[in-house]
C-alpha atoms as a PDB file:
ATOM      1  CA  MET A   1    -221.962  92.970 104.298  1.00  0.00           C
ATOM      2  CA  HIS A   2    -222.784  92.776 100.452  1.00  0.00           C
ATOM      3  CA  GLY A   3    -221.989  95.330  97.967  1.00  0.00           C
ATOM      4  CA  ASN A   4    -220.004  95.903  94.810  1.00  0.00           C
ATOM      5  CA  GLY A   5    -216.435  95.986  96.504  1.00  0.00           C
ATOM      6  CA  ARG A   6    -215.760  99.528  95.974  1.00  0.00           C
ATOM      7  CA  HIS A   7    -215.132 101.623  98.768  1.00  0.00           C
ATOM      8  CA  GLU A   8    -214.329 105.271  99.140  1.00  0.00           C
ATOM      9  CA  GLY A   9    -212.234 107.247 101.916  1.00  0.00           C
ATOM     10  CA  SER A  10    -210.338 104.233 103.482  1.00  0.00           C
ATOM     11  CA  GLY A  11    -207.229 105.755 104.618  1.00  0.00           C
ATOM     12  CA  GLY A  12    -204.271 103.101 105.441  1.00  0.00           C
ATOM     13  CA  GLY A  13    -204.857 100.826 102.282  1.00  0.00           C
ATOM     14  CA  ARG A  14    -206.561  97.551 101.972  1.00  0.00           C
ATOM     15  CA  VAL A  15    -205.706  93.884 102.338  1.00  0.00           C
ATOM     16  CA  VAL A  16    -208.492  92.094 100.613  1.00  0.00           C
ATOM     17  CA  VAL A  17    -208.773  88.387 101.433  1.00  0.00           C
ATOM     18  CA  GLY A  18    -210.740  85.858  99.557  1.00  0.00           C
ATOM     19  CA  VAL A  19    -212.715  83.514 101.849  1.00  0.00           C
ATOM     20  CA  SER A  20    -214.489  80.248 101.420  1.00  0.00           C
ATOM     21  CA  GLY A  21    -214.532  78.772 104.413  1.00  0.00           C
ATOM     22  CA  SER A  22    -211.704  75.846 103.464  1.00  0.00           C
ATOM     23  CA  LEU A  23    -208.384  75.651 105.265  1.00  0.00           C
ATOM     24  CA  GLY A  24    -206.585  77.113 102.409  1.00  0.00           C
ATOM     25  CA  SER A  25    -208.721  80.309 102.985  1.00  0.00           C
ATOM     26  CA  LEU A  26    -208.651  80.479 106.672  1.00  0.00           C
ATOM     27  CA  ALA A  27    -204.637  80.235 105.912  1.00  0.00           C
ATOM     28  CA  ALA A  28    -205.040  83.163 103.970  1.00  0.00           C
ATOM     29  CA  LEU A  29    -206.889  84.938 106.546  1.00  0.00           C
ATOM     30  CA  HIS A  30    -204.527  84.643 109.191  1.00  0.00           C
ATOM     31  CA  ARG A  31    -201.644  86.058 106.793  1.00  0.00           C
ATOM     32  CA  GLY A  32    -204.094  88.742 105.448  1.00  0.00           C
ATOM     33  CA  VAL A  33    -204.181  89.776 109.433  1.00  0.00           C
ATOM     34  CA  ALA A  34    -200.453  89.637 109.526  1.00  0.00           C
ATOM     35  CA  GLU A  35    -200.159  91.900 106.330  1.00  0.00           C
ATOM     36  CA  ALA A  36    -202.907  94.329 107.360  1.00  0.00           C
ATOM     37  CA  ARG A  37    -201.071  94.732 110.760  1.00  0.00           C
ATOM     38  CA  HIS A  38    -197.760  95.605 109.266  1.00  0.00           C
ATOM     39  CA  ARG A  39    -199.485  98.198 106.900  1.00  0.00           C
ATOM     40  CA  GLY A  40    -201.808  99.650 108.910  1.00  0.00           C
ATOM     41  CA  ALA A  41    -204.603  98.723 106.333  1.00  0.00           C
ATOM     42  CA  GLU A  42    -208.026  97.501 106.947  1.00  0.00           C
ATOM     43  CA  LEU A  43    -208.631  93.711 106.549  1.00  0.00           C
ATOM     44  CA  VAL A  44    -211.609  92.986 103.882  1.00  0.00           C
ATOM     45  CA  PRO A  45    -212.281  89.335 103.896  1.00  0.00           C
ATOM     46  CA  VAL A  46    -214.406  88.639 100.549  1.00  0.00           C
ATOM     47  CA  LEU A  47    -216.902  85.632  99.977  1.00  0.00           C
ATOM     48  CA  ALA A  48    -218.071  85.471  96.389  1.00  0.00           C
ATOM     49  CA  TRP A  49    -221.253  83.779  95.506  1.00  0.00           C
ATOM     50  CA  GLU A  50    -223.320  82.590  92.647  1.00  0.00           C
ATOM     51  CA  PRO A  51    -227.204  81.648  92.191  1.00  0.00           C
ATOM     52  CA  PRO A  52    -227.494  77.785  91.885  1.00  0.00           C
ATOM     53  CA  GLY A  53    -227.044  77.072  88.339  1.00  0.00           C
ATOM     54  CA  GLY A  54    -224.949  80.294  87.906  1.00  0.00           C
ATOM     55  CA  GLU A  55    -226.266  83.612  86.450  1.00  0.00           C
ATOM     56  CA  PHE A  56    -227.244  82.221  83.206  1.00  0.00           C
ATOM     57  CA  GLY A  57    -229.581  79.711  84.730  1.00  0.00           C
ATOM     58  CA  TYR A  58    -230.730  82.161  87.276  1.00  0.00           C
ATOM     59  CA  ARG A  59    -231.964  84.607  84.482  1.00  0.00           C
ATOM     60  CA  ARG A  60    -233.680  81.448  82.906  1.00  0.00           C
ATOM     61  CA  SER A  61    -235.750  80.894  86.126  1.00  0.00           C
ATOM     62  CA  PRO A  62    -235.250  83.489  88.637  1.00  0.00           C
ATOM     63  CA  CYS A  63    -236.633  82.529  92.003  1.00  0.00           C
ATOM     64  CA  PRO A  64    -235.904  85.750  94.462  1.00  0.00           C
ATOM     65  CA  PRO A  65    -236.576  83.697  97.484  1.00  0.00           C
ATOM     66  CA  LEU A  66    -234.063  81.326  96.514  1.00  0.00           C
ATOM     67  CA  LEU A  67    -231.930  84.128  95.548  1.00  0.00           C
ATOM     68  CA  ALA A  68    -231.996  85.561  98.972  1.00  0.00           C
ATOM     69  CA  ALA A  69    -231.628  82.152 100.953  1.00  0.00           C
ATOM     70  CA  VAL A  70    -228.466  81.678  99.291  1.00  0.00           C
ATOM     71  CA  ARG A  71    -227.298  85.441  99.823  1.00  0.00           C
ATOM     72  CA  GLU A  72    -228.044  84.936 103.398  1.00  0.00           C
ATOM     73  CA  ALA A  73    -225.922  81.272 103.392  1.00  0.00           C
ATOM     74  CA  ALA A  74    -223.223  83.282 101.996  1.00  0.00           C
ATOM     75  CA  GLU A  75    -223.128  85.642 104.502  1.00  0.00           C
ATOM     76  CA  ARG A  76    -223.387  82.932 107.308  1.00  0.00           C
ATOM     77  CA  ARG A  77    -220.413  81.077 105.617  1.00  0.00           C
ATOM     78  CA  LEU A  78    -218.289  84.264 105.662  1.00  0.00           C
ATOM     79  CA  LEU A  79    -219.101  84.976 109.577  1.00  0.00           C
ATOM     80  CA  ASP A  80    -218.479  81.126 110.194  1.00  0.00           C
ATOM     81  CA  ALA A  81    -215.250  81.133 108.329  1.00  0.00           C
ATOM     82  CA  LEU A  82    -214.341  84.454 110.126  1.00  0.00           C
ATOM     83  CA  ASP A  83    -215.238  82.705 113.684  1.00  0.00           C
ATOM     84  CA  ALA A  84    -213.225  79.541 112.662  1.00  0.00           C
ATOM     85  CA  ALA A  85    -210.056  81.475 111.808  1.00  0.00           C
ATOM     86  CA  PHE A  86    -210.394  84.153 115.007  1.00  0.00           C
ATOM     87  CA  GLY A  87    -212.131  81.931 117.446  1.00  0.00           C
ATOM     88  CA  GLY A  88    -214.617  85.011 118.020  1.00  0.00           C
ATOM     89  CA  ALA A  89    -211.541  87.213 118.894  1.00  0.00           C
ATOM     90  CA  ASP A  90    -211.050  90.490 117.278  1.00  0.00           C
ATOM     91  CA  PRO A  91    -208.150  90.065 114.846  1.00  0.00           C
ATOM     92  CA  GLY A  92    -206.628  93.298 115.835  1.00  0.00           C
ATOM     93  CA  VAL A  93    -207.111  95.490 112.643  1.00  0.00           C
ATOM     94  CA  PRO A  94    -210.153  97.112 110.986  1.00  0.00           C
ATOM     95  CA  LEU A  95    -212.239  94.371 109.733  1.00  0.00           C
ATOM     96  CA  ARG A  96    -214.794  95.192 106.879  1.00  0.00           C
ATOM     97  CA  PRO A  97    -216.382  91.571 105.774  1.00  0.00           C
ATOM     98  CA  LEU A  98    -218.127  91.457 102.259  1.00  0.00           C
ATOM     99  CA  VAL A  99    -220.230  89.377 100.340  1.00  0.00           C
ATOM    100  CA  ILE A 100    -220.322  89.878  96.161  1.00  0.00           C
ATOM    101  CA  ARG A 101    -222.640  88.322  94.120  1.00  0.00           C
ATOM    102  CA  GLY A 102    -220.462  86.671  91.199  1.00  0.00           C
ATOM    103  CA  GLU A 103    -217.742  84.205  90.123  1.00  0.00           C
ATOM    104  CA  THR A 104    -214.972  84.230  92.732  1.00  0.00           C
ATOM    105  CA  GLY A 105    -212.008  85.333  90.415  1.00  0.00           C
ATOM    106  CA  PRO A 106    -213.834  88.506  88.914  1.00  0.00           C
ATOM    107  CA  ALA A 107    -215.434  89.469  92.281  1.00  0.00           C
ATOM    108  CA  LEU A 108    -212.026  89.243  93.929  1.00  0.00           C
ATOM    109  CA  VAL A 109    -210.460  91.696  91.495  1.00  0.00           C
ATOM    110  CA  GLN A 110    -213.563  93.584  91.469  1.00  0.00           C
ATOM    111  CA  ALA A 111    -213.274  94.168  95.358  1.00  0.00           C
ATOM    112  CA  ALA A 112    -209.162  94.918  95.118  1.00  0.00           C
ATOM    113  CA  ASP A 113    -209.645  97.671  92.777  1.00  0.00           C
ATOM    114  CA  ARG A 114    -206.609  99.916  94.102  1.00  0.00           C
ATOM    115  CA  PRO A 115    -203.070  99.678  93.057  1.00  0.00           C
ATOM    116  CA  GLU A 116    -202.363 100.107  96.648  1.00  0.00           C
ATOM    117  CA  ASP A 117    -204.524  97.158  97.864  1.00  0.00           C
ATOM    118  CA  LEU A 118    -203.013  93.397  98.477  1.00  0.00           C
ATOM    119  CA  LEU A 119    -205.163  90.530  97.316  1.00  0.00           C
ATOM    120  CA  VAL A 120    -204.305  87.518  99.511  1.00  0.00           C
ATOM    121  CA  LEU A 121    -205.494  84.301  98.323  1.00  0.00           C
ATOM    122  CA  GLY A 122    -205.428  80.807  99.836  1.00  0.00           C
ATOM    123  CA  GLN A 123    -204.690  77.783  97.537  1.00  0.00           C
ATOM    124  CA  SER A 124    -207.529  77.361  94.789  1.00  0.00           C
ATOM    125  CA  GLY A 125    -209.857  73.948  95.447  1.00  0.00           C
ATOM    126  CA  GLY A 126    -208.802  70.667  94.519  1.00  0.00           C
ATOM    127  CA  LEU A 127    -207.330  69.673  91.052  1.00  0.00           C
ATOM    128  CA  LEU A 128    -210.902  68.505  89.586  1.00  0.00           C
ATOM    129  CA  ARG A 129    -212.379  72.134  90.338  1.00  0.00           C
ATOM    130  CA  ARG A 130    -209.352  73.905  89.000  1.00  0.00           C
ATOM    131  CA  ARG A 131    -209.510  72.045  85.672  1.00  0.00           C
ATOM    132  CA  LEU A 132    -213.454  72.584  85.358  1.00  0.00           C
ATOM    133  CA  ARG A 133    -213.273  76.415  86.253  1.00  0.00           C
ATOM    134  CA  GLY A 134    -209.801  77.464  86.292  1.00  0.00           C
ATOM    135  CA  SER A 135    -207.488  78.577  89.065  1.00  0.00           C
ATOM    136  CA  VAL A 136    -208.616  81.611  90.964  1.00  0.00           C
ATOM    137  CA  PRO A 137    -205.095  82.478  92.117  1.00  0.00           C
ATOM    138  CA  ALA A 138    -204.089  82.561  88.398  1.00  0.00           C
ATOM    139  CA  TYR A 139    -207.157  84.644  87.329  1.00  0.00           C
ATOM    140  CA  CYS A 140    -206.575  87.003  89.966  1.00  0.00           C
ATOM    141  CA  ALA A 141    -202.346  87.409  88.871  1.00  0.00           C
ATOM    142  CA  ARG A 142    -203.501  88.002  85.529  1.00  0.00           C
ATOM    143  CA  LYS A 143    -206.291  90.397  86.221  1.00  0.00           C
ATOM    144  CA  ALA A 144    -205.814  92.277  89.516  1.00  0.00           C
ATOM    145  CA  ASP A 145    -204.370  96.022  89.158  1.00  0.00           C
ATOM    146  CA  CYS A 146    -202.687  95.504  92.646  1.00  0.00           C
ATOM    147  CA  PRO A 147    -200.258  92.592  94.073  1.00  0.00           C
ATOM    148  CA  VAL A 148    -201.343  89.510  94.590  1.00  0.00           C
ATOM    149  CA  LEU A 149    -200.136  87.031  97.522  1.00  0.00           C
ATOM    150  CA  THR A 150    -200.915  83.219  97.304  1.00  0.00           C
ATOM    151  CA  VAL A 151    -200.800  81.416 100.736  1.00  0.00           C
ATOM    152  CA  PRO A 152    -199.674  77.823 100.548  1.00  0.00           C
ATOM    153  CA  VAL A 153    -201.779  75.119 101.926  1.00  0.00           C
ATOM    154  CA  PRO A 154    -200.879  74.660 105.607  1.00  0.00           C
ATOM    155  CA  GLU A 155    -198.521  71.706 105.956  1.00  0.00           C
ATOM    156  CA  LEU A 156    -200.922  70.219 108.423  1.00  0.00           C
ATOM    157  CA  LEU A 157    -203.435  69.765 105.723  1.00  0.00           C
ATOM    158  CA  HIS A 158    -200.995  67.686 103.466  1.00  0.00           C
ATOM    159  CA  GLU A 159    -199.957  65.471 106.614  1.00  0.00           C
ATOM    160  CA  LEU A 160    -203.690  64.879 107.161  1.00  0.00           C
ATOM    161  CA  GLU A 161    -204.486  63.832 103.620  1.00  0.00           C
ATOM    162  CA  ALA A 162    -201.469  61.684 103.435  1.00  0.00           C
ATOM    163  CA  MET A 163    -202.522  60.298 106.682  1.00  0.00           C
ATOM    164  CA  ASN A 164    -205.946  59.689 105.249  1.00  0.00           C
ATOM    165  CA  ARG A 165    -204.899  57.955 102.033  1.00  0.00           C
ATOM    166  CA  ARG A 166    -202.734  55.723 104.049  1.00  0.00           C
ATOM    167  CA  THR A 167    -205.648  54.830 106.189  1.00  0.00           C
ATOM    168  CA  ARG A 168    -207.926  54.450 103.371  1.00  0.00           C
ATOM    169  CA  TRP A 169    -205.705  51.696 101.804  1.00  0.00           C
ATOM    170  CA  HIS A 170    -204.859  49.660 104.920  1.00  0.00           C
ATOM    171  CA  LEU A 171    -208.078  49.143 106.530  1.00  0.00           C
ATOM    172  CA  PRO A 172    -210.956  46.813 106.043  1.00  0.00           C
ATOM    173  CA  VAL A 173    -213.776  48.140 103.958  1.00  0.00           C
ATOM    174  CA  GLY A 174    -216.182  48.158 107.019  1.00  0.00           C
ATOM    175  CA  GLU A 175    -213.572  50.074 109.412  1.00  0.00           C
ATOM    176  CA  MET A 176    -212.796  52.374 106.542  1.00  0.00           C
ATOM    177  CA  SER A 177    -216.371  53.641 106.080  1.00  0.00           C
ATOM    178  CA  GLU A 178    -216.603  54.294 109.710  1.00  0.00           C
ATOM    179  CA  LEU A 179    -213.694  56.335 109.601  1.00  0.00           C
ATOM    180  CA  LEU A 180    -214.579  58.318 106.253  1.00  0.00           C
ATOM    181  CA  PHE A 181    -218.238  59.202 107.528  1.00  0.00           C
ATOM    182  CA  VAL A 182    -217.915  59.944 111.123  1.00  0.00           C
ATOM    183  CA  LYS A 183    -218.800  63.553 111.759  1.00  0.00           C
ATOM    184  CA  GLY A 184    -216.679  65.174 114.492  1.00  0.00           C
END
């Protein structure tokens, strides 16, 4: 499942989808399946990962067991995201999950390295993340050699966030903490 993102011999093209496990990336997976069906293409869900502290930090203080654990966690996260997106059902298109070590934007551009590929991305992280690390869709749109399709955040997510904001401000503090920290 891990590799460098380059594949030879794929016949009907590829739809490469950036996956993080977020609702935005799950929406991108569903759109990617629809695009792969329409094109008769292979679906390549990609999750990029980095060592804790980034590559520079890892070079300064390498720890192979930690690196292996982080890679395995990334593989589990990708499989969990696929399970969440498809509920364990076959998506109905050829599927080749891929985990790539590297920053998200460059890893996705590396994976979608053919002009006939399609790179599908969900909404990139929150505002703080985009300000600190930049927008992955913007990076990919600038650097990719193939078309890039950005899938908007599902409308339901907007509604849930709005409901959470309204609820947070109208409840007494004790009740609010119960709502915000209950796992479901």
